[in-house]
Amino acid sequence: MGAMDSESPPNSGRRRFDVGQLIVVALLAVALLWRLVYFFEIYASPYADSLTLDSRVYHEVALAAAGGEWSHGETFFQAPLYPWLLGIVYSLFGPSQTVVKLLQILLSVASCWLVYRLADRVFERAVGVVALAIGAIYGMSLYFANELLVVTVIVFLDLLGLDLLTRAAADGHKFLWAAAGLAFGLSTVARPTILPFIAAVGMWIVITGWRMGRMRAALREAILFAVGVAVPIAPVTLHNYLADGDLVLVAANGGVNFFIGNNPQSDGITAVVPGTRADLWGGHEDQVRIAREELGDPGASPRQISDYWYDRAWQYIRSAPVAAIRHTAYKAFIL
């Protein structure tokens, strides 16, 4: 009798499983409700559809894409995936910010689900539930889901890539390695700053395989991952090469963005090159004009212009390394 008393009821494990699943479902419902509450509060604001800087450019490019103009025939200045996605939505539903924001809310909730899956797989369910609870009410996720900005899309793609990557590492399925690469490749076409992480993943695959004595399999997995990454990037790179004859992987705004954050007048917040107009297109025209004047080449290509701004930023860093390090620390702090 004592032995029977010490045993768990036959359905206790099932009940624990059900309770855990119910908690996850409840937290996902909270995530959705929280975002919808914020959406309706913002919807009532006269500034709900106000567009500035990047969001205005995304909207304008998306309108052109919805009308069939997916490219201006020049090297992309900004990564094109997000305005293309907006263009698809606009072509289906009209130029409705409301539809875009509702879709982004669903994508943001899906990201919460991926956070739970990753934490559950890498650690344990309790950690996954805590991570999900944090993600469900995380203020910046609410904010960006209700803006015409790329953040919600790249967060989802990066989390999807990590989810597929951890699954591939667990069972070694060829499709999963390529699918993980595809997710990160799409993220690159949305914002290329993920590229150093992608390179680190490739190194991790190879080094892990070497340490485990399965180098040939690891090389095969790394190649599958790299092919997945390359599939969405290659057409964009080819477009840029055909447009201007320069090898620009995704977009030509890397140099000027690097300079904005690394110059003597940078405050870590203002996204404007000193001495240029504050609106994005006017500022872009000024950046191009300044670079071409300084280079003495009125026909300087987008890549040459980007390289010019990179050089200006590195000149500042080399001339004032202590100030540059202090400023980088400050930017990390306010982040």
C-alpha atoms as a PDB file:
ATOM      1  CA  MET A   1       0.000   0.000   0.000  1.00  0.00           C
ATOM      2  CA  GLY A   2       2.868   2.316   0.908  1.00  0.00           C
ATOM      3  CA  ALA A   3       4.536   1.633  -2.422  1.00  0.00           C
ATOM      4  CA  MET A   4       1.350   2.514  -4.235  1.00  0.00           C
ATOM      5  CA  ASP A   5       0.986   5.711  -2.207  1.00  0.00           C
ATOM      6  CA  SER A   6       4.511   6.778  -3.159  1.00  0.00           C
ATOM      7  CA  GLU A   7       3.729   6.503  -6.851  1.00  0.00           C
ATOM      8  CA  SER A   8       2.399   9.473  -8.793  1.00  0.00           C
ATOM      9  CA  PRO A   9      -1.175   9.219 -10.057  1.00  0.00           C
ATOM     10  CA  PRO A  10      -1.181   7.772 -13.576  1.00  0.00           C
ATOM     11  CA  ASN A  11      -2.540  10.985 -15.123  1.00  0.00           C
ATOM     12  CA  SER A  12      -0.408  13.478 -13.159  1.00  0.00           C
ATOM     13  CA  GLY A  13       2.171  13.814 -15.917  1.00  0.00           C
ATOM     14  CA  ARG A  14      -0.616  14.452 -18.403  1.00  0.00           C
ATOM     15  CA  ARG A  15      -2.147  17.065 -16.109  1.00  0.00           C
ATOM     16  CA  ARG A  16       1.212  18.811 -15.681  1.00  0.00           C
ATOM     17  CA  PHE A  17       1.624  18.835 -19.459  1.00  0.00           C
ATOM     18  CA  ASP A  18      -1.838  20.291 -19.927  1.00  0.00           C
ATOM     19  CA  VAL A  19      -1.273  22.970 -17.305  1.00  0.00           C
ATOM     20  CA  GLY A  20       2.016  23.922 -18.932  1.00  0.00           C
ATOM     21  CA  GLN A  21       0.369  24.175 -22.336  1.00  0.00           C
ATOM     22  CA  LEU A  22      -2.473  26.224 -20.924  1.00  0.00           C
ATOM     23  CA  ILE A  23       0.006  28.669 -19.389  1.00  0.00           C
ATOM     24  CA  VAL A  24       1.738  29.043 -22.765  1.00  0.00           C
ATOM     25  CA  VAL A  25      -1.568  29.605 -24.564  1.00  0.00           C
ATOM     26  CA  ALA A  26      -2.643  32.116 -21.912  1.00  0.00           C
ATOM     27  CA  LEU A  27       0.606  34.054 -22.237  1.00  0.00           C
ATOM     28  CA  LEU A  28       0.295  34.130 -26.026  1.00  0.00           C
ATOM     29  CA  ALA A  29      -3.246  35.467 -25.577  1.00  0.00           C
ATOM     30  CA  VAL A  30      -1.876  38.138 -23.246  1.00  0.00           C
ATOM     31  CA  ALA A  31       0.744  39.030 -25.865  1.00  0.00           C
ATOM     32  CA  LEU A  32      -1.941  39.424 -28.525  1.00  0.00           C
ATOM     33  CA  LEU A  33      -4.336  41.333 -26.277  1.00  0.00           C
ATOM     34  CA  TRP A  34      -1.579  43.662 -25.022  1.00  0.00           C
ATOM     35  CA  ARG A  35      -0.580  44.546 -28.574  1.00  0.00           C
ATOM     36  CA  LEU A  36      -4.178  45.081 -29.663  1.00  0.00           C
ATOM     37  CA  VAL A  37      -4.852  47.368 -26.702  1.00  0.00           C
ATOM     38  CA  TYR A  38      -1.833  49.454 -27.696  1.00  0.00           C
ATOM     39  CA  PHE A  39      -2.960  49.387 -31.348  1.00  0.00           C
ATOM     40  CA  PHE A  40      -6.432  50.750 -30.530  1.00  0.00           C
ATOM     41  CA  GLU A  41      -4.995  53.415 -28.222  1.00  0.00           C
ATOM     42  CA  ILE A  42      -2.643  54.606 -30.965  1.00  0.00           C
ATOM     43  CA  TYR A  43      -5.388  54.264 -33.594  1.00  0.00           C
ATOM     44  CA  ALA A  44      -7.368  56.979 -31.827  1.00  0.00           C
ATOM     45  CA  SER A  45      -4.421  59.376 -31.993  1.00  0.00           C
ATOM     46  CA  PRO A  46      -4.250  62.031 -34.739  1.00  0.00           C
ATOM     47  CA  TYR A  47      -0.626  60.948 -35.208  1.00  0.00           C
ATOM     48  CA  ALA A  48      -1.511  57.286 -35.810  1.00  0.00           C
ATOM     49  CA  ASP A  49      -0.677  57.380 -39.523  1.00  0.00           C
ATOM     50  CA  SER A  50       2.118  59.932 -39.285  1.00  0.00           C
ATOM     51  CA  LEU A  51       5.170  58.826 -41.252  1.00  0.00           C
ATOM     52  CA  THR A  52       8.700  60.161 -40.807  1.00  0.00           C
ATOM     53  CA  LEU A  53      12.162  59.297 -42.100  1.00  0.00           C
ATOM     54  CA  ASP A  54      12.482  55.531 -42.703  1.00  0.00           C
ATOM     55  CA  SER A  55       8.775  54.774 -42.366  1.00  0.00           C
ATOM     56  CA  ARG A  56       7.915  57.402 -44.973  1.00  0.00           C
ATOM     57  CA  VAL A  57      10.509  56.029 -47.394  1.00  0.00           C
ATOM     58  CA  TYR A  58       9.285  52.460 -46.854  1.00  0.00           C
ATOM     59  CA  HIS A  59       5.736  53.634 -47.560  1.00  0.00           C
ATOM     60  CA  GLU A  60       6.718  55.484 -50.742  1.00  0.00           C
ATOM     61  CA  VAL A  61       8.795  52.578 -52.071  1.00  0.00           C
ATOM     62  CA  ALA A  62       5.970  50.174 -51.213  1.00  0.00           C
ATOM     63  CA  LEU A  63       3.471  52.304 -53.149  1.00  0.00           C
ATOM     64  CA  ALA A  64       5.768  52.155 -56.169  1.00  0.00           C
ATOM     65  CA  ALA A  65       6.171  48.385 -55.741  1.00  0.00           C
ATOM     66  CA  ALA A  66       2.399  47.927 -55.511  1.00  0.00           C
ATOM     67  CA  GLY A  67       2.200  49.772 -58.825  1.00  0.00           C
ATOM     68  CA  GLY A  68       4.689  47.366 -60.392  1.00  0.00           C
ATOM     69  CA  GLU A  69       7.910  49.359 -59.888  1.00  0.00           C
ATOM     70  CA  TRP A  70       9.950  47.037 -57.679  1.00  0.00           C
ATOM     71  CA  SER A  71      13.229  48.791 -58.457  1.00  0.00           C
ATOM     72  CA  HIS A  72      14.319  52.280 -59.496  1.00  0.00           C
ATOM     73  CA  GLY A  73      17.048  50.792 -61.690  1.00  0.00           C
ATOM     74  CA  GLU A  74      19.764  51.832 -59.239  1.00  0.00           C
ATOM     75  CA  THR A  75      21.723  50.101 -56.492  1.00  0.00           C
ATOM     76  CA  PHE A  76      19.463  49.783 -53.485  1.00  0.00           C
ATOM     77  CA  PHE A  77      20.231  52.466 -50.922  1.00  0.00           C
ATOM     78  CA  GLN A  78      18.149  50.712 -48.260  1.00  0.00           C
ATOM     79  CA  ALA A  79      17.646  46.969 -47.839  1.00  0.00           C
ATOM     80  CA  PRO A  80      14.599  46.160 -49.991  1.00  0.00           C
ATOM     81  CA  LEU A  81      12.786  43.269 -48.283  1.00  0.00           C
ATOM     82  CA  TYR A  82      10.549  45.274 -45.947  1.00  0.00           C
ATOM     83  CA  PRO A  83       9.228  47.772 -48.542  1.00  0.00           C
ATOM     84  CA  TRP A  84       8.684  44.824 -50.898  1.00  0.00           C
ATOM     85  CA  LEU A  85       6.586  43.085 -48.240  1.00  0.00           C
ATOM     86  CA  LEU A  86       4.645  46.308 -47.727  1.00  0.00           C
ATOM     87  CA  GLY A  87       4.178  46.514 -51.492  1.00  0.00           C
ATOM     88  CA  ILE A  88       2.648  43.028 -51.532  1.00  0.00           C
ATOM     89  CA  VAL A  89       0.252  43.991 -48.724  1.00  0.00           C
ATOM     90  CA  TYR A  90      -0.650  47.242 -50.493  1.00  0.00           C
ATOM     91  CA  SER A  91      -1.295  45.429 -53.765  1.00  0.00           C
ATOM     92  CA  LEU A  92      -3.685  43.036 -51.966  1.00  0.00           C
ATOM     93  CA  PHE A  93      -5.437  45.371 -49.530  1.00  0.00           C
ATOM     94  CA  GLY A  94      -4.617  48.872 -50.715  1.00  0.00           C
ATOM     95  CA  PRO A  95      -2.176  51.271 -48.984  1.00  0.00           C
ATOM     96  CA  SER A  96      -3.562  50.528 -45.529  1.00  0.00           C
ATOM     97  CA  GLN A  97      -1.274  51.055 -42.554  1.00  0.00           C
ATOM     98  CA  THR A  98      -3.947  49.412 -40.403  1.00  0.00           C
ATOM     99  CA  VAL A  99      -3.629  46.095 -42.225  1.00  0.00           C
ATOM    100  CA  VAL A 100       0.165  46.246 -42.054  1.00  0.00           C
ATOM    101  CA  LYS A 101       0.136  46.925 -38.328  1.00  0.00           C
ATOM    102  CA  LEU A 102      -2.335  44.118 -37.614  1.00  0.00           C
ATOM    103  CA  LEU A 103      -0.169  41.696 -39.590  1.00  0.00           C
ATOM    104  CA  GLN A 104       2.895  42.895 -37.688  1.00  0.00           C
ATOM    105  CA  ILE A 105       1.059  42.320 -34.418  1.00  0.00           C
ATOM    106  CA  LEU A 106       0.490  38.689 -35.432  1.00  0.00           C
ATOM    107  CA  LEU A 107       4.143  38.411 -36.418  1.00  0.00           C
ATOM    108  CA  SER A 108       5.184  39.861 -33.058  1.00  0.00           C
ATOM    109  CA  VAL A 109       3.072  37.270 -31.227  1.00  0.00           C
ATOM    110  CA  ALA A 110       4.655  34.555 -33.383  1.00  0.00           C
ATOM    111  CA  SER A 111       8.040  35.873 -32.251  1.00  0.00           C
ATOM    112  CA  CYS A 112       6.934  35.399 -28.637  1.00  0.00           C
ATOM    113  CA  TRP A 113       6.103  31.792 -29.479  1.00  0.00           C
ATOM    114  CA  LEU A 114       9.546  31.305 -31.031  1.00  0.00           C
ATOM    115  CA  VAL A 115      11.191  32.774 -27.925  1.00  0.00           C
ATOM    116  CA  TYR A 116       9.355  30.169 -25.850  1.00  0.00           C
ATOM    117  CA  ARG A 117      10.347  27.311 -28.184  1.00  0.00           C
ATOM    118  CA  LEU A 118      14.006  28.325 -28.153  1.00  0.00           C
ATOM    119  CA  ALA A 119      14.231  28.713 -24.385  1.00  0.00           C
ATOM    120  CA  ASP A 120      12.341  25.451 -23.842  1.00  0.00           C
ATOM    121  CA  ARG A 121      14.656  23.565 -26.204  1.00  0.00           C
ATOM    122  CA  VAL A 122      17.943  25.074 -25.060  1.00  0.00           C
ATOM    123  CA  PHE A 123      17.150  25.239 -21.321  1.00  0.00           C
ATOM    124  CA  GLU A 124      13.853  23.896 -19.969  1.00  0.00           C
ATOM    125  CA  ARG A 125      10.141  24.624 -20.022  1.00  0.00           C
ATOM    126  CA  ALA A 126      10.176  26.872 -16.962  1.00  0.00           C
ATOM    127  CA  VAL A 127      12.766  29.114 -18.612  1.00  0.00           C
ATOM    128  CA  GLY A 128      10.670  29.150 -21.769  1.00  0.00           C
ATOM    129  CA  VAL A 129       7.580  30.251 -19.867  1.00  0.00           C
ATOM    130  CA  VAL A 130       9.483  33.071 -18.158  1.00  0.00           C
ATOM    131  CA  ALA A 131      10.972  34.187 -21.491  1.00  0.00           C
ATOM    132  CA  LEU A 132       7.514  34.108 -23.074  1.00  0.00           C
ATOM    133  CA  ALA A 133       6.045  36.150 -20.220  1.00  0.00           C
ATOM    134  CA  ILE A 134       8.731  38.813 -20.676  1.00  0.00           C
ATOM    135  CA  GLY A 135       8.292  38.878 -24.440  1.00  0.00           C
ATOM    136  CA  ALA A 136       4.512  39.100 -24.131  1.00  0.00           C
ATOM    137  CA  ILE A 137       4.623  42.444 -22.333  1.00  0.00           C
ATOM    138  CA  TYR A 138       7.916  43.833 -23.681  1.00  0.00           C
ATOM    139  CA  GLY A 139       7.193  47.469 -24.486  1.00  0.00           C
ATOM    140  CA  MET A 140       9.462  47.880 -27.503  1.00  0.00           C
ATOM    141  CA  SER A 141       7.781  44.933 -29.240  1.00  0.00           C
ATOM    142  CA  LEU A 142       4.425  46.673 -28.822  1.00  0.00           C
ATOM    143  CA  TYR A 143       5.824  49.907 -30.190  1.00  0.00           C
ATOM    144  CA  PHE A 144       7.560  48.498 -33.261  1.00  0.00           C
ATOM    145  CA  ALA A 145       4.635  46.240 -34.171  1.00  0.00           C
ATOM    146  CA  ASN A 146       2.590  49.425 -34.594  1.00  0.00           C
ATOM    147  CA  GLU A 147       5.127  51.286 -36.747  1.00  0.00           C
ATOM    148  CA  LEU A 148       5.988  50.974 -40.435  1.00  0.00           C
ATOM    149  CA  LEU A 149       9.498  49.876 -39.559  1.00  0.00           C
ATOM    150  CA  VAL A 150      11.459  46.718 -40.308  1.00  0.00           C
ATOM    151  CA  VAL A 151      12.176  45.701 -36.690  1.00  0.00           C
ATOM    152  CA  THR A 152       9.231  43.316 -36.205  1.00  0.00           C
ATOM    153  CA  VAL A 153      10.090  41.448 -39.413  1.00  0.00           C
ATOM    154  CA  ILE A 154      13.791  41.015 -38.676  1.00  0.00           C
ATOM    155  CA  VAL A 155      13.131  39.917 -35.083  1.00  0.00           C
ATOM    156  CA  PHE A 156      10.784  37.224 -36.380  1.00  0.00           C
ATOM    157  CA  LEU A 157      13.211  36.093 -39.106  1.00  0.00           C
ATOM    158  CA  ASP A 158      16.171  35.967 -36.721  1.00  0.00           C
ATOM    159  CA  LEU A 159      14.207  33.987 -34.129  1.00  0.00           C
ATOM    160  CA  LEU A 160      12.947  31.650 -36.857  1.00  0.00           C
ATOM    161  CA  GLY A 161      16.524  31.159 -38.035  1.00  0.00           C
ATOM    162  CA  LEU A 162      17.671  30.347 -34.499  1.00  0.00           C
ATOM    163  CA  ASP A 163      14.765  27.940 -34.009  1.00  0.00           C
ATOM    164  CA  LEU A 164      15.576  26.086 -37.220  1.00  0.00           C
ATOM    165  CA  LEU A 165      19.287  26.135 -36.374  1.00  0.00           C
ATOM    166  CA  THR A 166      18.819  24.528 -32.971  1.00  0.00           C
ATOM    167  CA  ARG A 167      16.508  21.924 -34.494  1.00  0.00           C
ATOM    168  CA  ALA A 168      19.070  21.184 -37.212  1.00  0.00           C
ATOM    169  CA  ALA A 169      21.828  20.803 -34.622  1.00  0.00           C
ATOM    170  CA  ALA A 170      19.622  18.391 -32.659  1.00  0.00           C
ATOM    171  CA  ASP A 171      18.677  16.008 -35.496  1.00  0.00           C
ATOM    172  CA  GLY A 172      20.994  16.968 -38.370  1.00  0.00           C
ATOM    173  CA  HIS A 173      18.235  17.081 -40.988  1.00  0.00           C
ATOM    174  CA  LYS A 174      19.597  18.563 -44.225  1.00  0.00           C
ATOM    175  CA  PHE A 175      16.441  20.565 -44.922  1.00  0.00           C
ATOM    176  CA  LEU A 176      16.669  22.325 -41.551  1.00  0.00           C
ATOM    177  CA  TRP A 177      20.224  23.586 -42.186  1.00  0.00           C
ATOM    178  CA  ALA A 178      19.169  25.071 -45.521  1.00  0.00           C
ATOM    179  CA  ALA A 179      15.923  26.459 -44.041  1.00  0.00           C
ATOM    180  CA  ALA A 180      17.848  28.149 -41.221  1.00  0.00           C
ATOM    181  CA  GLY A 181      20.142  29.717 -43.789  1.00  0.00           C
ATOM    182  CA  LEU A 182      17.145  30.884 -45.816  1.00  0.00           C
ATOM    183  CA  ALA A 183      15.646  32.625 -42.756  1.00  0.00           C
ATOM    184  CA  PHE A 184      18.916  34.434 -42.050  1.00  0.00           C
ATOM    185  CA  GLY A 185      19.325  35.266 -45.734  1.00  0.00           C
ATOM    186  CA  LEU A 186      15.911  36.922 -45.762  1.00  0.00           C
ATOM    187  CA  SER A 187      16.882  38.771 -42.591  1.00  0.00           C
ATOM    188  CA  THR A 188      19.974  40.029 -44.419  1.00  0.00           C
ATOM    189  CA  VAL A 189      17.846  41.374 -47.254  1.00  0.00           C
ATOM    190  CA  ALA A 190      15.798  43.162 -44.572  1.00  0.00           C
ATOM    191  CA  ARG A 191      18.818  44.481 -42.631  1.00  0.00           C
ATOM    192  CA  PRO A 192      22.379  43.357 -43.483  1.00  0.00           C
ATOM    193  CA  THR A 193      23.748  43.934 -39.961  1.00  0.00           C
ATOM    194  CA  ILE A 194      23.007  40.244 -39.237  1.00  0.00           C
ATOM    195  CA  LEU A 195      25.885  39.200 -41.537  1.00  0.00           C
ATOM    196  CA  PRO A 196      28.623  38.980 -38.831  1.00  0.00           C
ATOM    197  CA  PHE A 197      26.380  36.644 -36.842  1.00  0.00           C
ATOM    198  CA  ILE A 198      25.780  34.516 -39.942  1.00  0.00           C
ATOM    199  CA  ALA A 199      29.553  34.207 -40.426  1.00  0.00           C
ATOM    200  CA  ALA A 200      29.886  33.189 -36.766  1.00  0.00           C
ATOM    201  CA  VAL A 201      27.225  30.501 -37.245  1.00  0.00           C
ATOM    202  CA  GLY A 202      29.140  29.068 -40.195  1.00  0.00           C
ATOM    203  CA  MET A 203      32.318  28.925 -38.097  1.00  0.00           C
ATOM    204  CA  TRP A 204      30.390  27.340 -35.212  1.00  0.00           C
ATOM    205  CA  ILE A 205      29.053  24.575 -37.474  1.00  0.00           C
ATOM    206  CA  VAL A 206      32.533  23.722 -38.759  1.00  0.00           C
ATOM    207  CA  ILE A 207      34.369  23.986 -35.419  1.00  0.00           C
ATOM    208  CA  THR A 208      31.722  21.940 -33.598  1.00  0.00           C
ATOM    209  CA  GLY A 209      31.920  19.249 -36.252  1.00  0.00           C
ATOM    210  CA  TRP A 210      35.722  19.202 -36.074  1.00  0.00           C
ATOM    211  CA  ARG A 211      35.693  18.833 -32.278  1.00  0.00           C
ATOM    212  CA  MET A 212      33.186  15.977 -32.529  1.00  0.00           C
ATOM    213  CA  GLY A 213      35.189  14.150 -35.184  1.00  0.00           C
ATOM    214  CA  ARG A 214      32.591  14.613 -37.928  1.00  0.00           C
ATOM    215  CA  MET A 215      34.303  17.187 -40.086  1.00  0.00           C
ATOM    216  CA  ARG A 216      32.936  15.979 -43.418  1.00  0.00           C
ATOM    217  CA  ALA A 217      29.336  16.085 -42.197  1.00  0.00           C
ATOM    218  CA  ALA A 218      29.931  19.531 -40.661  1.00  0.00           C
ATOM    219  CA  LEU A 219      31.270  20.893 -43.938  1.00  0.00           C
ATOM    220  CA  ARG A 220      28.219  19.549 -45.721  1.00  0.00           C
ATOM    221  CA  GLU A 221      25.948  21.210 -43.153  1.00  0.00           C
ATOM    222  CA  ALA A 222      27.843  24.499 -43.431  1.00  0.00           C
ATOM    223  CA  ILE A 223      27.476  24.419 -47.218  1.00  0.00           C
ATOM    224  CA  LEU A 224      23.737  23.759 -46.947  1.00  0.00           C
ATOM    225  CA  PHE A 225      23.435  26.645 -44.499  1.00  0.00           C
ATOM    226  CA  ALA A 226      25.452  28.948 -46.790  1.00  0.00           C
ATOM    227  CA  VAL A 227      23.333  28.008 -49.821  1.00  0.00           C
ATOM    228  CA  GLY A 228      20.199  28.847 -47.848  1.00  0.00           C
ATOM    229  CA  VAL A 229      21.669  32.226 -46.908  1.00  0.00           C
ATOM    230  CA  ALA A 230      22.696  32.962 -50.496  1.00  0.00           C
ATOM    231  CA  VAL A 231      19.356  32.171 -52.147  1.00  0.00           C
ATOM    232  CA  PRO A 232      17.539  35.424 -51.190  1.00  0.00           C
ATOM    233  CA  ILE A 233      20.681  37.585 -51.240  1.00  0.00           C
ATOM    234  CA  ALA A 234      21.998  36.626 -54.689  1.00  0.00           C
ATOM    235  CA  PRO A 235      19.181  38.242 -56.745  1.00  0.00           C
ATOM    236  CA  VAL A 236      19.604  41.512 -54.830  1.00  0.00           C
ATOM    237  CA  THR A 237      23.373  41.490 -55.361  1.00  0.00           C
ATOM    238  CA  LEU A 238      22.891  40.720 -59.057  1.00  0.00           C
ATOM    239  CA  HIS A 239      20.414  43.599 -59.370  1.00  0.00           C
ATOM    240  CA  ASN A 240      22.911  46.006 -57.804  1.00  0.00           C
ATOM    241  CA  TYR A 241      25.713  44.834 -60.088  1.00  0.00           C
ATOM    242  CA  LEU A 242      23.590  45.169 -63.214  1.00  0.00           C
ATOM    243  CA  ALA A 243      22.385  48.612 -62.084  1.00  0.00           C
ATOM    244  CA  ASP A 244      25.736  50.271 -61.379  1.00  0.00           C
ATOM    245  CA  GLY A 245      28.486  47.742 -62.114  1.00  0.00           C
ATOM    246  CA  ASP A 246      29.512  47.561 -58.440  1.00  0.00           C
ATOM    247  CA  LEU A 247      29.420  44.552 -56.156  1.00  0.00           C
ATOM    248  CA  VAL A 248      27.055  45.745 -53.429  1.00  0.00           C
ATOM    249  CA  LEU A 249      25.725  42.793 -51.468  1.00  0.00           C
ATOM    250  CA  VAL A 250      22.374  44.286 -50.384  1.00  0.00           C
ATOM    251  CA  ALA A 251      22.346  48.060 -49.918  1.00  0.00           C
ATOM    252  CA  ALA A 252      24.717  51.031 -50.160  1.00  0.00           C
ATOM    253  CA  ASN A 253      23.784  52.839 -46.931  1.00  0.00           C
ATOM    254  CA  GLY A 254      26.313  51.118 -44.676  1.00  0.00           C
ATOM    255  CA  GLY A 255      28.980  53.806 -44.942  1.00  0.00           C
ATOM    256  CA  VAL A 256      26.783  56.777 -44.184  1.00  0.00           C
ATOM    257  CA  ASN A 257      25.091  54.977 -41.274  1.00  0.00           C
ATOM    258  CA  PHE A 258      28.502  54.109 -39.841  1.00  0.00           C
ATOM    259  CA  PHE A 259      29.563  57.758 -40.142  1.00  0.00           C
ATOM    260  CA  ILE A 260      26.366  59.014 -38.474  1.00  0.00           C
ATOM    261  CA  GLY A 261      27.303  57.027 -35.391  1.00  0.00           C
ATOM    262  CA  ASN A 262      31.035  57.763 -35.552  1.00  0.00           C
ATOM    263  CA  ASN A 263      31.816  61.433 -36.067  1.00  0.00           C
ATOM    264  CA  PRO A 264      32.749  64.284 -33.705  1.00  0.00           C
ATOM    265  CA  GLN A 265      29.184  65.633 -33.664  1.00  0.00           C
ATOM    266  CA  SER A 266      27.394  62.312 -33.196  1.00  0.00           C
ATOM    267  CA  ASP A 267      25.040  62.236 -30.205  1.00  0.00           C
ATOM    268  CA  GLY A 268      24.071  58.566 -30.536  1.00  0.00           C
ATOM    269  CA  ILE A 269      20.443  59.493 -31.256  1.00  0.00           C
ATOM    270  CA  THR A 270      20.148  61.861 -34.221  1.00  0.00           C
ATOM    271  CA  ALA A 271      20.249  59.990 -37.535  1.00  0.00           C
ATOM    272  CA  VAL A 272      21.454  62.923 -39.633  1.00  0.00           C
ATOM    273  CA  VAL A 273      24.862  63.561 -41.215  1.00  0.00           C
ATOM    274  CA  PRO A 274      26.158  66.927 -39.968  1.00  0.00           C
ATOM    275  CA  GLY A 275      25.645  69.604 -42.619  1.00  0.00           C
ATOM    276  CA  THR A 276      22.866  67.797 -44.480  1.00  0.00           C
ATOM    277  CA  ARG A 277      19.089  68.170 -44.568  1.00  0.00           C
ATOM    278  CA  ALA A 278      17.111  66.346 -41.903  1.00  0.00           C
ATOM    279  CA  ASP A 279      14.622  64.639 -44.256  1.00  0.00           C
ATOM    280  CA  LEU A 280      15.760  61.264 -45.611  1.00  0.00           C
ATOM    281  CA  TRP A 281      15.683  61.936 -49.360  1.00  0.00           C
ATOM    282  CA  GLY A 282      17.079  65.471 -49.026  1.00  0.00           C
ATOM    283  CA  GLY A 283      19.738  64.199 -46.637  1.00  0.00           C
ATOM    284  CA  HIS A 284      20.598  61.404 -49.055  1.00  0.00           C
ATOM    285  CA  GLU A 285      21.034  63.853 -51.910  1.00  0.00           C
ATOM    286  CA  ASP A 286      23.336  65.972 -49.731  1.00  0.00           C
ATOM    287  CA  GLN A 287      25.366  62.922 -48.696  1.00  0.00           C
ATOM    288  CA  VAL A 288      25.860  61.943 -52.341  1.00  0.00           C
ATOM    289  CA  ARG A 289      26.776  65.523 -53.329  1.00  0.00           C
ATOM    290  CA  ILE A 290      29.314  65.922 -50.504  1.00  0.00           C
ATOM    291  CA  ALA A 291      30.968  62.576 -51.257  1.00  0.00           C
ATOM    292  CA  ARG A 292      31.239  63.250 -54.970  1.00  0.00           C
ATOM    293  CA  GLU A 293      32.636  66.727 -54.380  1.00  0.00           C
ATOM    294  CA  GLU A 294      35.230  65.434 -51.905  1.00  0.00           C
ATOM    295  CA  LEU A 295      36.162  62.546 -54.188  1.00  0.00           C
ATOM    296  CA  GLY A 296      36.344  64.864 -57.188  1.00  0.00           C
ATOM    297  CA  ASP A 297      34.208  62.416 -59.134  1.00  0.00           C
ATOM    298  CA  PRO A 298      30.705  63.572 -60.146  1.00  0.00           C
ATOM    299  CA  GLY A 299      29.938  60.048 -61.327  1.00  0.00           C
ATOM    300  CA  ALA A 300      31.027  58.230 -58.163  1.00  0.00           C
ATOM    301  CA  SER A 301      29.019  55.027 -57.735  1.00  0.00           C
ATOM    302  CA  PRO A 302      26.898  54.164 -54.680  1.00  0.00           C
ATOM    303  CA  ARG A 303      29.616  51.828 -53.432  1.00  0.00           C
ATOM    304  CA  GLN A 304      32.305  54.506 -53.796  1.00  0.00           C
ATOM    305  CA  ILE A 305      30.071  56.947 -51.928  1.00  0.00           C
ATOM    306  CA  SER A 306      29.518  54.422 -49.139  1.00  0.00           C
ATOM    307  CA  ASP A 307      33.265  53.759 -48.965  1.00  0.00           C
ATOM    308  CA  TYR A 308      33.897  57.501 -48.674  1.00  0.00           C
ATOM    309  CA  TRP A 309      31.709  57.735 -45.566  1.00  0.00           C
ATOM    310  CA  TYR A 310      33.290  54.628 -44.099  1.00  0.00           C
ATOM    311  CA  ASP A 311      36.707  56.258 -44.571  1.00  0.00           C
ATOM    312  CA  ARG A 312      35.517  59.480 -42.897  1.00  0.00           C
ATOM    313  CA  ALA A 313      34.289  57.501 -39.882  1.00  0.00           C
ATOM    314  CA  TRP A 314      37.532  55.533 -39.552  1.00  0.00           C
ATOM    315  CA  GLN A 315      39.536  58.742 -39.813  1.00  0.00           C
ATOM    316  CA  TYR A 316      37.641  60.076 -36.807  1.00  0.00           C
ATOM    317  CA  ILE A 317      38.128  56.828 -34.855  1.00  0.00           C
ATOM    318  CA  ARG A 318      41.888  56.755 -35.571  1.00  0.00           C
ATOM    319  CA  SER A 319      42.341  60.443 -34.755  1.00  0.00           C
ATOM    320  CA  ALA A 320      40.414  60.296 -31.454  1.00  0.00           C
ATOM    321  CA  PRO A 321      40.343  56.670 -30.275  1.00  0.00           C
ATOM    322  CA  VAL A 322      39.568  57.464 -26.628  1.00  0.00           C
ATOM    323  CA  ALA A 323      36.648  59.715 -27.560  1.00  0.00           C
ATOM    324  CA  ALA A 324      35.393  57.097 -30.038  1.00  0.00           C
ATOM    325  CA  ILE A 325      35.517  54.326 -27.420  1.00  0.00           C
ATOM    326  CA  ARG A 326      33.800  56.548 -24.854  1.00  0.00           C
ATOM    327  CA  HIS A 327      31.098  57.423 -27.376  1.00  0.00           C
ATOM    328  CA  THR A 328      30.580  53.754 -28.285  1.00  0.00           C
ATOM    329  CA  ALA A 329      30.165  52.932 -24.595  1.00  0.00           C
ATOM    330  CA  TYR A 330      27.645  55.728 -24.273  1.00  0.00           C
ATOM    331  CA  LYS A 331      25.648  54.427 -27.245  1.00  0.00           C
ATOM    332  CA  ALA A 332      25.658  50.938 -25.748  1.00  0.00           C
ATOM    333  CA  PHE A 333      24.383  52.411 -22.462  1.00  0.00           C
ATOM    334  CA  ILE A 334      21.474  54.335 -23.993  1.00  0.00           C
ATOM    335  CA  LEU A 335      20.573  51.345 -26.161  1.00  0.00           C
END
